[in-house]
Amino acid sequence: MAATLHLIRHGETTANVMHRLDTALPGDSLTDFGVRQGVRFGFDNRPAREPVLVSSVARRAVETAEAIASVWDVDPVALEGIHEVQVGDLESRYDDEAHGVFTDIVNRWYAGEVDARIPGGESLTMVHGRYLPVMDHLAATHLAGSDPRDVYVVSHGAVIRLIASHLTGIDRKFAAATHLRNTGSIEIEYTESGVWVCKRWGATPAPFGRNDEPLVVEPMG
């Protein structure tokens, strides 16, 4: 039976409610509602076999993983390298201009300009450089072999979609336009041949249709 990687967006934060760009570590804590979202994810997605539960080191991701773990009775582990895209000079802003700059850069990433850089922040090449090795490690350690285990990674909305699109080759317009709500997730099967196959993106199951609408990127977090 093929193992599955679940990329989960963290629960709600005050920055999410305010549409404030919150990427610098450690970042905001969850709201009370965000904690309840994590617990609800745990109840709604009880694993059939012992899972591996990890998170980014951002406070909101750690707290979401802890809420899920309280239901599953497992010990979550926080890993370096899988935090949100760093927005640099745009940090803590919530105005339309800042979101416009961010959206423009991310749209360019989906269009293939991987070295375009957010002012004072990261390029997609930089994001891949820290995030993809963690995915490779999780695949080799837990998803492959004779006794694979499903892996649940609590991370962040924008970076999850970028990484999932890269791993699975999902159409860029679909990836950019199909947002994840708080505690929404992407389900990716890791096959015996080492190929990543997207089975579910948020509420949308495979196969995925092409979306030719203009690219719109969600607020950070």
N, C-alpha and C. Protein backbone atom coordinates (compact mmCIF):
# COMPACT_ATOMS: atom_id res chain seq x y z
N MET A 1 0.84 -1.20 0.00
CA MET A 1 0.00 0.00 0.00
C MET A 1 0.87 1.25 0.00
N ALA A 2 0.68 2.12 -0.99
CA ALA A 2 1.49 3.33 -1.09
C ALA A 2 1.22 4.25 0.09
N ALA A 3 2.27 4.91 0.55
CA ALA A 3 2.14 5.86 1.64
C ALA A 3 1.75 7.23 1.09
N THR A 4 1.24 8.06 1.97
CA THR A 4 0.70 9.35 1.55
C THR A 4 1.30 10.48 2.37
N LEU A 5 1.62 11.56 1.68
CA LEU A 5 2.06 12.80 2.30
C LEU A 5 0.87 13.76 2.36
N HIS A 6 0.58 14.27 3.55
CA HIS A 6 -0.49 15.24 3.74
C HIS A 6 0.14 16.58 4.11
N LEU A 7 -0.02 17.57 3.25
CA LEU A 7 0.47 18.91 3.53
C LEU A 7 -0.70 19.73 4.06
N ILE A 8 -0.61 20.16 5.32
CA ILE A 8 -1.74 20.77 6.03
C ILE A 8 -1.43 22.23 6.33
N ARG A 9 -2.34 23.11 5.98
CA ARG A 9 -2.19 24.51 6.40
C ARG A 9 -2.58 24.62 7.87
N HIS A 10 -1.85 25.43 8.60
CA HIS A 10 -2.11 25.63 10.03
C HIS A 10 -3.47 26.26 10.29
N GLY A 11 -3.86 26.31 11.55
CA GLY A 11 -5.12 26.92 11.94
C GLY A 11 -5.08 28.45 11.90
N GLU A 12 -6.21 29.05 12.15
CA GLU A 12 -6.39 30.50 12.04
C GLU A 12 -5.52 31.27 13.04
N THR A 13 -4.97 32.39 12.57
CA THR A 13 -4.26 33.34 13.42
C THR A 13 -4.90 34.72 13.27
N THR A 14 -4.53 35.62 14.18
CA THR A 14 -5.02 37.00 14.07
C THR A 14 -4.54 37.63 12.76
N ALA A 15 -3.31 37.34 12.35
CA ALA A 15 -2.79 37.87 11.09
C ALA A 15 -3.64 37.42 9.91
N ASN A 16 -4.11 36.17 9.92
CA ASN A 16 -5.01 35.70 8.85
C ASN A 16 -6.28 36.52 8.81
N VAL A 17 -6.86 36.79 9.99
CA VAL A 17 -8.10 37.55 10.06
C VAL A 17 -7.90 38.96 9.53
N MET A 18 -6.73 39.55 9.83
CA MET A 18 -6.42 40.93 9.42
C MET A 18 -5.82 41.01 8.02
N HIS A 19 -5.53 39.87 7.38
CA HIS A 19 -4.83 39.83 6.11
C HIS A 19 -3.47 40.51 6.21
N ARG A 20 -2.81 40.29 7.35
CA ARG A 20 -1.49 40.85 7.59
C ARG A 20 -0.43 39.84 7.19
N LEU A 21 0.59 40.31 6.47
CA LEU A 21 1.68 39.43 6.04
C LEU A 21 2.53 39.06 7.24
N ASP A 22 2.46 37.81 7.66
CA ASP A 22 3.11 37.33 8.87
C ASP A 22 3.94 36.11 8.51
N THR A 23 5.23 36.32 8.23
CA THR A 23 6.08 35.21 7.79
C THR A 23 7.33 35.04 8.64
N ALA A 24 7.80 36.12 9.28
CA ALA A 24 9.02 36.03 10.07
C ALA A 24 8.79 35.12 11.28
N LEU A 25 9.78 34.33 11.60
CA LEU A 25 9.66 33.40 12.73
C LEU A 25 9.89 34.12 14.05
N PRO A 26 9.18 33.75 15.12
CA PRO A 26 8.27 32.60 15.20
C PRO A 26 6.84 32.89 14.73
N GLY A 27 6.44 34.15 14.59
CA GLY A 27 5.12 34.49 14.07
C GLY A 27 4.01 34.39 15.09
N ASP A 28 2.80 34.63 14.63
CA ASP A 28 1.61 34.66 15.50
C ASP A 28 1.28 33.28 16.08
N SER A 29 0.60 33.33 17.22
CA SER A 29 -0.03 32.12 17.77
C SER A 29 -1.40 31.93 17.11
N LEU A 30 -1.99 30.77 17.33
CA LEU A 30 -3.34 30.52 16.87
C LEU A 30 -4.35 31.31 17.69
N THR A 31 -5.45 31.66 17.05
CA THR A 31 -6.61 32.13 17.81
C THR A 31 -7.26 30.93 18.49
N ASP A 32 -8.21 31.20 19.39
CA ASP A 32 -8.94 30.08 20.01
C ASP A 32 -9.63 29.24 18.95
N PHE A 33 -10.17 29.91 17.93
CA PHE A 33 -10.82 29.19 16.85
C PHE A 33 -9.80 28.34 16.08
N GLY A 34 -8.58 28.87 15.91
CA GLY A 34 -7.54 28.12 15.22
C GLY A 34 -7.18 26.84 15.95
N VAL A 35 -7.14 26.89 17.28
CA VAL A 35 -6.88 25.68 18.06
C VAL A 35 -8.00 24.66 17.84
N ARG A 36 -9.24 25.15 17.85
CA ARG A 36 -10.36 24.24 17.63
C ARG A 36 -10.31 23.64 16.22
N GLN A 37 -9.84 24.41 15.24
CA GLN A 37 -9.69 23.86 13.89
C GLN A 37 -8.69 22.70 13.88
N GLY A 38 -7.60 22.85 14.63
CA GLY A 38 -6.62 21.77 14.70
C GLY A 38 -7.20 20.52 15.32
N VAL A 39 -7.93 20.69 16.41
CA VAL A 39 -8.57 19.55 17.07
C VAL A 39 -9.57 18.90 16.13
N ARG A 40 -10.36 19.71 15.43
CA ARG A 40 -11.34 19.16 14.50
C ARG A 40 -10.67 18.39 13.38
N PHE A 41 -9.53 18.90 12.87
CA PHE A 41 -8.80 18.14 11.85
C PHE A 41 -8.43 16.76 12.39
N GLY A 42 -7.97 16.72 13.63
CA GLY A 42 -7.61 15.44 14.22
C GLY A 42 -8.77 14.47 14.27
N PHE A 43 -9.94 14.95 14.68
CA PHE A 43 -11.12 14.09 14.75
C PHE A 43 -11.60 13.65 13.37
N ASP A 44 -11.52 14.57 12.41
CA ASP A 44 -12.05 14.27 11.07
C ASP A 44 -11.10 13.45 10.21
N ASN A 45 -9.84 13.34 10.63
CA ASN A 45 -8.84 12.68 9.77
C ASN A 45 -8.01 11.67 10.57
N ARG A 46 -8.69 10.87 11.35
CA ARG A 46 -7.96 9.86 12.14
C ARG A 46 -7.24 8.90 11.20
N PRO A 47 -5.94 8.74 11.35
CA PRO A 47 -5.19 7.86 10.44
C PRO A 47 -5.48 6.39 10.71
N ALA A 48 -5.42 5.59 9.64
CA ALA A 48 -5.69 4.16 9.76
C ALA A 48 -4.51 3.41 10.36
N ARG A 49 -3.31 3.98 10.24
CA ARG A 49 -2.12 3.38 10.81
C ARG A 49 -1.30 4.47 11.49
N GLU A 50 -0.31 4.08 12.28
CA GLU A 50 0.46 5.06 13.04
C GLU A 50 1.08 6.09 12.10
N PRO A 51 0.79 7.38 12.30
CA PRO A 51 1.29 8.40 11.39
C PRO A 51 2.59 9.02 11.88
N VAL A 52 3.21 9.76 11.00
CA VAL A 52 4.31 10.66 11.36
C VAL A 52 3.74 12.07 11.27
N LEU A 53 3.85 12.84 12.35
CA LEU A 53 3.29 14.19 12.39
C LEU A 53 4.41 15.18 12.65
N VAL A 54 4.62 16.08 11.68
CA VAL A 54 5.66 17.09 11.82
C VAL A 54 5.07 18.45 11.50
N SER A 55 5.81 19.50 11.85
CA SER A 55 5.37 20.86 11.55
C SER A 55 6.57 21.72 11.26
N SER A 56 6.32 22.89 10.70
CA SER A 56 7.36 23.90 10.63
C SER A 56 7.63 24.42 12.04
N VAL A 57 8.67 25.21 12.18
CA VAL A 57 9.01 25.75 13.50
C VAL A 57 8.21 27.00 13.84
N ALA A 58 7.39 27.50 12.91
CA ALA A 58 6.55 28.66 13.20
C ALA A 58 5.56 28.32 14.30
N ARG A 59 5.31 29.28 15.19
CA ARG A 59 4.46 29.03 16.36
C ARG A 59 3.10 28.50 15.96
N ARG A 60 2.49 29.07 14.93
CA ARG A 60 1.14 28.67 14.54
C ARG A 60 1.10 27.23 14.02
N ALA A 61 2.17 26.81 13.35
CA ALA A 61 2.23 25.44 12.85
C ALA A 61 2.46 24.45 13.99
N VAL A 62 3.36 24.81 14.91
CA VAL A 62 3.62 23.95 16.08
C VAL A 62 2.35 23.76 16.89
N GLU A 63 1.61 24.85 17.12
CA GLU A 63 0.39 24.77 17.92
C GLU A 63 -0.69 23.95 17.22
N THR A 64 -0.76 24.06 15.90
CA THR A 64 -1.73 23.25 15.16
C THR A 64 -1.38 21.76 15.26
N ALA A 65 -0.09 21.44 15.09
CA ALA A 65 0.34 20.05 15.22
C ALA A 65 0.05 19.52 16.62
N GLU A 66 0.24 20.34 17.64
CA GLU A 66 -0.03 19.92 19.01
C GLU A 66 -1.52 19.65 19.21
N ALA A 67 -2.36 20.47 18.58
CA ALA A 67 -3.81 20.25 18.69
C ALA A 67 -4.20 18.93 18.01
N ILE A 68 -3.65 18.66 16.85
CA ILE A 68 -3.92 17.40 16.16
C ILE A 68 -3.40 16.23 17.00
N ALA A 69 -2.19 16.38 17.52
CA ALA A 69 -1.57 15.30 18.30
C ALA A 69 -2.36 14.97 19.56
N SER A 70 -3.07 15.96 20.11
CA SER A 70 -3.86 15.70 21.31
C SER A 70 -4.99 14.72 21.04
N VAL A 71 -5.43 14.64 19.78
CA VAL A 71 -6.48 13.69 19.39
C VAL A 71 -5.87 12.35 19.00
N TRP A 72 -4.75 12.38 18.30
CA TRP A 72 -4.13 11.15 17.78
C TRP A 72 -3.24 10.46 18.80
N ASP A 73 -2.88 11.15 19.87
CA ASP A 73 -1.97 10.60 20.88
C ASP A 73 -0.62 10.22 20.27
N VAL A 74 -0.04 11.17 19.53
CA VAL A 74 1.30 11.00 18.96
C VAL A 74 2.14 12.20 19.37
N ASP A 75 3.43 12.11 19.15
CA ASP A 75 4.35 13.20 19.48
C ASP A 75 4.77 13.92 18.20
N PRO A 76 4.34 15.16 18.01
CA PRO A 76 4.75 15.89 16.81
C PRO A 76 6.19 16.39 16.93
N VAL A 77 6.81 16.60 15.77
CA VAL A 77 8.19 17.08 15.73
C VAL A 77 8.24 18.32 14.83
N ALA A 78 8.87 19.40 15.31
CA ALA A 78 9.04 20.61 14.51
C ALA A 78 10.34 20.52 13.72
N LEU A 79 10.27 20.79 12.42
CA LEU A 79 11.43 20.68 11.54
C LEU A 79 11.78 22.04 10.93
N GLU A 80 13.06 22.33 10.86
CA GLU A 80 13.54 23.53 10.19
C GLU A 80 13.33 23.40 8.68
N GLY A 81 13.16 24.54 8.02
CA GLY A 81 13.17 24.58 6.57
C GLY A 81 11.82 24.56 5.88
N ILE A 82 10.73 24.27 6.61
CA ILE A 82 9.42 24.14 5.94
C ILE A 82 8.46 25.23 6.39
N HIS A 83 9.01 26.39 6.73
CA HIS A 83 8.19 27.55 7.11
C HIS A 83 7.72 28.29 5.85
N GLU A 84 6.93 29.33 6.08
CA GLU A 84 6.32 30.07 4.98
C GLU A 84 7.35 30.85 4.17
N VAL A 85 6.99 31.17 2.93
CA VAL A 85 7.79 32.07 2.10
C VAL A 85 8.06 33.35 2.89
N GLN A 86 9.31 33.79 2.93
CA GLN A 86 9.67 34.98 3.69
C GLN A 86 9.50 36.23 2.82
N VAL A 87 8.68 37.17 3.32
CA VAL A 87 8.32 38.33 2.49
C VAL A 87 9.19 39.55 2.74
N GLY A 88 10.16 39.47 3.64
CA GLY A 88 11.16 40.52 3.78
C GLY A 88 10.58 41.89 4.09
N ASP A 89 10.75 42.84 3.17
CA ASP A 89 10.32 44.22 3.39
C ASP A 89 8.81 44.37 3.51
N LEU A 90 8.06 43.35 3.10
CA LEU A 90 6.60 43.42 3.17
C LEU A 90 6.05 42.92 4.51
N GLU A 91 6.92 42.44 5.37
CA GLU A 91 6.49 41.84 6.63
C GLU A 91 5.61 42.78 7.45
N SER A 92 4.54 42.24 7.99
CA SER A 92 3.58 42.92 8.88
C SER A 92 2.69 43.93 8.17
N ARG A 93 2.80 44.03 6.85
CA ARG A 93 1.92 44.94 6.12
C ARG A 93 0.63 44.22 5.72
N TYR A 94 -0.45 44.98 5.62
CA TYR A 94 -1.73 44.41 5.21
C TYR A 94 -2.41 45.25 4.14
N ASP A 95 -1.68 46.22 3.59
CA ASP A 95 -2.25 47.12 2.58
C ASP A 95 -2.26 46.46 1.21
N ASP A 96 -3.07 47.02 0.32
CA ASP A 96 -3.23 46.44 -1.01
C ASP A 96 -1.93 46.46 -1.80
N GLU A 97 -1.12 47.51 -1.62
CA GLU A 97 0.14 47.59 -2.37
C GLU A 97 1.06 46.44 -2.01
N ALA A 98 1.19 46.14 -0.71
CA ALA A 98 2.06 45.05 -0.29
C ALA A 98 1.57 43.71 -0.83
N HIS A 99 0.27 43.48 -0.73
CA HIS A 99 -0.27 42.23 -1.27
C HIS A 99 -0.11 42.16 -2.78
N GLY A 100 -0.18 43.31 -3.44
CA GLY A 100 0.01 43.33 -4.88
C GLY A 100 1.43 42.94 -5.28
N VAL A 101 2.42 43.44 -4.55
CA VAL A 101 3.81 43.09 -4.81
C VAL A 101 4.03 41.60 -4.62
N PHE A 102 3.52 41.09 -3.51
CA PHE A 102 3.65 39.66 -3.23
C PHE A 102 2.98 38.82 -4.31
N THR A 103 1.77 39.17 -4.67
CA THR A 103 1.02 38.42 -5.69
C THR A 103 1.77 38.41 -7.02
N ASP A 104 2.32 39.57 -7.40
CA ASP A 104 3.05 39.66 -8.67
C ASP A 104 4.25 38.72 -8.67
N ILE A 105 5.02 38.69 -7.58
CA ILE A 105 6.19 37.82 -7.53
C ILE A 105 5.79 36.35 -7.58
N VAL A 106 4.78 35.97 -6.81
CA VAL A 106 4.38 34.57 -6.79
C VAL A 106 3.80 34.15 -8.15
N ASN A 107 3.07 35.04 -8.79
CA ASN A 107 2.59 34.73 -10.14
C ASN A 107 3.76 34.47 -11.09
N ARG A 108 4.82 35.25 -10.95
CA ARG A 108 6.01 35.06 -11.78
C ARG A 108 6.66 33.71 -11.47
N TRP A 109 6.63 33.30 -10.22
CA TRP A 109 7.17 31.97 -9.87
C TRP A 109 6.38 30.88 -10.58
N TYR A 110 5.05 30.96 -10.52
CA TYR A 110 4.25 29.95 -11.19
C TYR A 110 4.47 29.97 -12.70
N ALA A 111 4.86 31.13 -13.21
CA ALA A 111 5.13 31.24 -14.65
C ALA A 111 6.54 30.80 -15.02
N GLY A 112 7.33 30.39 -14.03
CA GLY A 112 8.66 29.87 -14.31
C GLY A 112 9.82 30.76 -13.95
N GLU A 113 9.56 31.99 -13.45
CA GLU A 113 10.64 32.91 -13.08
C GLU A 113 11.06 32.62 -11.63
N VAL A 114 11.73 31.49 -11.43
CA VAL A 114 11.99 31.00 -10.08
C VAL A 114 13.00 31.84 -9.31
N ASP A 115 13.77 32.68 -10.01
CA ASP A 115 14.76 33.52 -9.32
C ASP A 115 14.26 34.92 -9.02
N ALA A 116 13.02 35.22 -9.43
CA ALA A 116 12.42 36.51 -9.02
C ALA A 116 12.33 36.53 -7.49
N ARG A 117 12.65 37.66 -6.90
CA ARG A 117 12.78 37.71 -5.44
C ARG A 117 11.87 38.78 -4.84
N ILE A 118 11.20 38.45 -3.77
CA ILE A 118 10.43 39.42 -3.01
C ILE A 118 11.41 40.40 -2.39
N PRO A 119 11.14 41.72 -2.43
CA PRO A 119 12.09 42.69 -1.87
C PRO A 119 12.47 42.36 -0.43
N GLY A 120 13.75 42.12 -0.21
CA GLY A 120 14.23 41.79 1.11
C GLY A 120 13.88 40.38 1.56
N GLY A 121 13.20 39.61 0.70
CA GLY A 121 12.74 38.27 1.06
C GLY A 121 13.33 37.21 0.17
N GLU A 122 12.54 36.18 -0.14
CA GLU A 122 13.05 35.01 -0.83
C GLU A 122 12.63 34.95 -2.29
N SER A 123 13.40 34.18 -3.04
CA SER A 123 13.01 33.72 -4.37
C SER A 123 12.48 32.30 -4.24
N LEU A 124 11.83 31.80 -5.29
CA LEU A 124 11.35 30.42 -5.24
C LEU A 124 12.53 29.44 -5.20
N THR A 125 13.63 29.79 -5.87
CA THR A 125 14.82 28.95 -5.79
C THR A 125 15.27 28.79 -4.35
N MET A 126 15.24 29.87 -3.59
CA MET A 126 15.63 29.82 -2.17
C MET A 126 14.65 28.97 -1.37
N VAL A 127 13.36 29.10 -1.65
CA VAL A 127 12.35 28.30 -0.96
C VAL A 127 12.56 26.82 -1.24
N HIS A 128 12.74 26.48 -2.51
CA HIS A 128 12.99 25.09 -2.88
C HIS A 128 14.24 24.55 -2.18
N GLY A 129 15.26 25.39 -2.05
CA GLY A 129 16.52 24.96 -1.47
C GLY A 129 16.42 24.53 -0.03
N ARG A 130 15.48 25.10 0.70
CA ARG A 130 15.32 24.71 2.11
C ARG A 130 14.19 23.71 2.33
N TYR A 131 13.17 23.74 1.48
CA TYR A 131 11.96 22.93 1.70
C TYR A 131 12.08 21.53 1.09
N LEU A 132 12.54 21.45 -0.14
CA LEU A 132 12.55 20.16 -0.85
C LEU A 132 13.45 19.11 -0.19
N PRO A 133 14.61 19.48 0.38
CA PRO A 133 15.40 18.45 1.07
C PRO A 133 14.66 17.81 2.23
N VAL A 134 13.78 18.57 2.90
CA VAL A 134 12.99 17.99 3.99
C VAL A 134 12.00 16.98 3.43
N MET A 135 11.38 17.28 2.30
CA MET A 135 10.47 16.33 1.66
C MET A 135 11.21 15.07 1.23
N ASP A 136 12.41 15.25 0.69
CA ASP A 136 13.21 14.08 0.30
C ASP A 136 13.54 13.22 1.51
N HIS A 137 13.89 13.85 2.62
CA HIS A 137 14.22 13.11 3.84
C HIS A 137 13.00 12.36 4.36
N LEU A 138 11.85 13.01 4.40
CA LEU A 138 10.64 12.35 4.88
C LEU A 138 10.27 11.18 3.98
N ALA A 139 10.44 11.36 2.67
CA ALA A 139 10.12 10.28 1.74
C ALA A 139 11.03 9.08 1.97
N ALA A 140 12.33 9.34 2.10
CA ALA A 140 13.28 8.25 2.27
C ALA A 140 13.12 7.56 3.62
N THR A 141 12.78 8.34 4.64
CA THR A 141 12.73 7.80 6.00
C THR A 141 11.40 7.10 6.31
N HIS A 142 10.30 7.64 5.80
CA HIS A 142 8.98 7.17 6.22
C HIS A 142 8.08 6.68 5.10
N LEU A 143 8.16 7.29 3.93
CA LEU A 143 7.20 6.97 2.87
C LEU A 143 7.63 5.80 2.01
N ALA A 144 8.93 5.52 1.96
CA ALA A 144 9.45 4.44 1.13
C ALA A 144 9.73 3.20 1.98
N GLY A 145 10.08 2.13 1.32
CA GLY A 145 10.48 0.91 2.03
C GLY A 145 9.34 -0.08 2.21
N SER A 146 9.63 -1.14 2.95
CA SER A 146 8.68 -2.24 3.12
C SER A 146 7.58 -1.95 4.13
N ASP A 147 7.80 -0.97 5.00
CA ASP A 147 6.81 -0.65 6.02
C ASP A 147 6.58 0.85 6.07
N PRO A 148 5.99 1.41 5.01
CA PRO A 148 5.83 2.87 4.93
C PRO A 148 4.79 3.39 5.92
N ARG A 149 4.95 4.66 6.29
CA ARG A 149 4.01 5.33 7.19
C ARG A 149 3.54 6.63 6.53
N ASP A 150 2.28 6.96 6.69
CA ASP A 150 1.77 8.22 6.18
C ASP A 150 2.37 9.37 6.98
N VAL A 151 2.67 10.46 6.29
CA VAL A 151 3.31 11.62 6.90
C VAL A 151 2.39 12.83 6.80
N TYR A 152 2.18 13.50 7.92
CA TYR A 152 1.35 14.70 8.00
C TYR A 152 2.26 15.88 8.34
N VAL A 153 2.30 16.87 7.45
CA VAL A 153 3.18 18.02 7.60
C VAL A 153 2.34 19.28 7.78
N VAL A 154 2.40 19.90 8.94
CA VAL A 154 1.68 21.15 9.17
C VAL A 154 2.59 22.30 8.75
N SER A 155 2.17 23.03 7.73
CA SER A 155 2.99 24.08 7.16
C SER A 155 2.11 25.29 6.85
N HIS A 156 2.28 25.91 5.69
CA HIS A 156 1.70 27.23 5.44
C HIS A 156 1.12 27.32 4.03
N GLY A 157 0.09 28.14 3.89
CA GLY A 157 -0.74 28.15 2.69
C GLY A 157 -0.01 28.36 1.38
N ALA A 158 0.75 29.45 1.27
CA ALA A 158 1.40 29.75 -0.01
C ALA A 158 2.48 28.74 -0.34
N VAL A 159 3.32 28.41 0.64
CA VAL A 159 4.44 27.51 0.35
C VAL A 159 3.97 26.09 0.09
N ILE A 160 2.91 25.65 0.75
CA ILE A 160 2.37 24.31 0.50
C ILE A 160 1.98 24.18 -0.97
N ARG A 161 1.28 25.17 -1.49
CA ARG A 161 0.80 25.08 -2.86
C ARG A 161 1.96 25.11 -3.86
N LEU A 162 2.97 25.93 -3.57
CA LEU A 162 4.14 25.99 -4.44
C LEU A 162 4.89 24.66 -4.45
N ILE A 163 5.07 24.07 -3.28
CA ILE A 163 5.81 22.81 -3.18
C ILE A 163 5.00 21.67 -3.80
N ALA A 164 3.71 21.60 -3.50
CA ALA A 164 2.88 20.53 -4.06
C ALA A 164 2.84 20.62 -5.58
N SER A 165 2.77 21.82 -6.11
CA SER A 165 2.77 22.00 -7.56
C SER A 165 4.08 21.52 -8.16
N HIS A 166 5.18 21.83 -7.49
CA HIS A 166 6.49 21.40 -7.98
C HIS A 166 6.63 19.89 -7.94
N LEU A 167 6.24 19.27 -6.84
CA LEU A 167 6.41 17.83 -6.68
C LEU A 167 5.58 17.03 -7.67
N THR A 168 4.35 17.47 -7.91
CA THR A 168 3.39 16.66 -8.66
C THR A 168 3.15 17.13 -10.08
N GLY A 169 3.62 18.32 -10.44
CA GLY A 169 3.40 18.82 -11.79
C GLY A 169 1.99 19.29 -12.05
N ILE A 170 1.25 19.59 -10.99
CA ILE A 170 -0.12 20.11 -11.15
C ILE A 170 -0.08 21.41 -11.97
N ASP A 171 -1.09 21.60 -12.79
CA ASP A 171 -1.18 22.82 -13.60
C ASP A 171 -1.01 24.05 -12.73
N ARG A 172 -0.16 24.99 -13.16
CA ARG A 172 0.19 26.15 -12.34
C ARG A 172 -1.01 27.05 -12.06
N LYS A 173 -1.92 27.19 -13.02
CA LYS A 173 -3.07 28.04 -12.79
C LYS A 173 -4.01 27.41 -11.76
N PHE A 174 -4.16 26.10 -11.81
CA PHE A 174 -4.96 25.43 -10.79
C PHE A 174 -4.32 25.61 -9.43
N ALA A 175 -3.01 25.42 -9.34
CA ALA A 175 -2.31 25.53 -8.05
C ALA A 175 -2.41 26.94 -7.49
N ALA A 176 -2.27 27.95 -8.34
CA ALA A 176 -2.31 29.33 -7.87
C ALA A 176 -3.71 29.75 -7.45
N ALA A 177 -4.72 29.25 -8.15
CA ALA A 177 -6.08 29.72 -7.92
C ALA A 177 -6.83 28.91 -6.87
N THR A 178 -6.37 27.70 -6.57
CA THR A 178 -7.11 26.82 -5.67
C THR A 178 -6.52 26.91 -4.28
N HIS A 179 -7.07 27.82 -3.47
CA HIS A 179 -6.52 28.14 -2.16
C HIS A 179 -6.83 27.04 -1.14
N LEU A 180 -6.11 27.08 -0.05
CA LEU A 180 -6.38 26.20 1.08
C LEU A 180 -6.88 27.03 2.24
N ARG A 181 -8.02 26.63 2.81
CA ARG A 181 -8.49 27.28 4.04
C ARG A 181 -7.59 26.83 5.18
N ASN A 182 -7.73 27.47 6.33
CA ASN A 182 -6.99 27.04 7.51
C ASN A 182 -7.34 25.59 7.84
N THR A 183 -6.32 24.77 8.04
CA THR A 183 -6.37 23.32 8.24
C THR A 183 -6.86 22.56 7.00
N GLY A 184 -6.95 23.24 5.86
CA GLY A 184 -7.12 22.52 4.60
C GLY A 184 -5.83 21.80 4.26
N SER A 185 -5.91 20.78 3.39
CA SER A 185 -4.71 19.99 3.13
C SER A 185 -4.66 19.51 1.69
N ILE A 186 -3.45 19.11 1.28
CA ILE A 186 -3.20 18.50 -0.01
C ILE A 186 -2.68 17.09 0.25
N GLU A 187 -3.25 16.11 -0.43
CA GLU A 187 -2.90 14.70 -0.24
C GLU A 187 -2.12 14.20 -1.45
N ILE A 188 -0.89 13.75 -1.21
CA ILE A 188 0.00 13.34 -2.29
C ILE A 188 0.49 11.92 -2.02
N GLU A 189 0.23 11.04 -2.96
CA GLU A 189 0.69 9.65 -2.82
C GLU A 189 2.14 9.54 -3.30
N TYR A 190 2.94 8.81 -2.52
CA TYR A 190 4.32 8.55 -2.92
C TYR A 190 4.40 7.11 -3.41
N THR A 191 4.57 6.93 -4.71
CA THR A 191 4.50 5.60 -5.30
C THR A 191 5.79 4.82 -5.07
N GLU A 192 5.74 3.52 -5.32
CA GLU A 192 6.91 2.66 -5.14
C GLU A 192 8.05 3.06 -6.07
N SER A 193 7.72 3.69 -7.19
CA SER A 193 8.75 4.13 -8.12
C SER A 193 9.29 5.52 -7.78
N GLY A 194 8.83 6.09 -6.66
CA GLY A 194 9.34 7.39 -6.21
C GLY A 194 8.70 8.58 -6.89
N VAL A 195 7.52 8.39 -7.46
CA VAL A 195 6.80 9.48 -8.13
C VAL A 195 5.73 10.02 -7.18
N TRP A 196 5.61 11.36 -7.14
CA TRP A 196 4.59 12.01 -6.32
C TRP A 196 3.33 12.20 -7.16
N VAL A 197 2.18 11.72 -6.68
CA VAL A 197 0.92 11.81 -7.41
C VAL A 197 -0.12 12.50 -6.52
N CYS A 198 -0.62 13.64 -6.97
CA CYS A 198 -1.60 14.37 -6.17
C CYS A 198 -2.96 13.68 -6.27
N LYS A 199 -3.53 13.33 -5.12
CA LYS A 199 -4.82 12.65 -5.07
C LYS A 199 -5.95 13.59 -4.66
N ARG A 200 -5.62 14.61 -3.89
CA ARG A 200 -6.65 15.55 -3.44
C ARG A 200 -6.00 16.89 -3.13
N TRP A 201 -6.65 17.97 -3.57
CA TRP A 201 -6.15 19.33 -3.33
C TRP A 201 -7.25 20.11 -2.63
N GLY A 202 -7.13 20.29 -1.32
CA GLY A 202 -8.23 20.88 -0.57
C GLY A 202 -9.45 19.98 -0.67
N ALA A 203 -10.57 20.54 -1.09
CA ALA A 203 -11.80 19.76 -1.24
C ALA A 203 -11.93 19.13 -2.62
N THR A 204 -10.94 19.34 -3.49
CA THR A 204 -11.02 18.89 -4.88
C THR A 204 -10.25 17.59 -5.08
N PRO A 205 -10.92 16.49 -5.43
CA PRO A 205 -10.22 15.23 -5.69
C PRO A 205 -9.69 15.19 -7.12
N ALA A 206 -8.68 14.35 -7.34
CA ALA A 206 -8.19 14.14 -8.71
C ALA A 206 -9.29 13.47 -9.54
N PRO A 207 -9.31 13.67 -10.87
CA PRO A 207 -8.37 14.47 -11.66
C PRO A 207 -8.68 15.96 -11.57
N PHE A 208 -7.68 16.78 -11.84
CA PHE A 208 -7.82 18.22 -11.68
C PHE A 208 -7.94 18.88 -13.04
N GLY A 209 -8.97 19.70 -13.19
CA GLY A 209 -9.16 20.42 -14.44
C GLY A 209 -8.26 21.62 -14.52
N ARG A 210 -8.11 22.14 -15.72
CA ARG A 210 -7.30 23.33 -15.94
C ARG A 210 -8.11 24.57 -15.58
N ASN A 211 -7.46 25.52 -14.94
CA ASN A 211 -8.11 26.76 -14.55
C ASN A 211 -7.42 27.90 -15.29
N ASP A 212 -8.14 28.56 -16.19
CA ASP A 212 -7.53 29.62 -16.99
C ASP A 212 -7.89 31.02 -16.50
N GLU A 213 -8.38 31.12 -15.28
CA GLU A 213 -8.65 32.43 -14.70
C GLU A 213 -7.34 33.12 -14.35
N PRO A 214 -7.33 34.47 -14.20
CA PRO A 214 -6.11 35.17 -13.78
C PRO A 214 -5.62 34.62 -12.44
N LEU A 215 -4.31 34.61 -12.26
CA LEU A 215 -3.74 34.10 -11.03
C LEU A 215 -4.05 35.03 -9.86
N VAL A 216 -4.52 34.47 -8.77
CA VAL A 216 -4.79 35.23 -7.55
C VAL A 216 -4.17 34.45 -6.40
N VAL A 217 -3.39 35.12 -5.58
CA VAL A 217 -2.68 34.44 -4.50
C VAL A 217 -3.27 34.88 -3.17
N GLU A 218 -3.48 33.91 -2.27
CA GLU A 218 -4.10 34.19 -0.99
C GLU A 218 -3.18 34.95 -0.06
N PRO A 219 -3.70 35.59 1.00
CA PRO A 219 -2.84 36.22 2.00
C PRO A 219 -1.88 35.20 2.61
N MET A 220 -0.74 35.70 3.06
CA MET A 220 0.30 34.83 3.56
C MET A 220 -0.11 34.11 4.83
N GLY A 221 0.59 33.01 5.10
CA GLY A 221 0.44 32.31 6.36
C GLY A 221 0.14 30.88 6.22
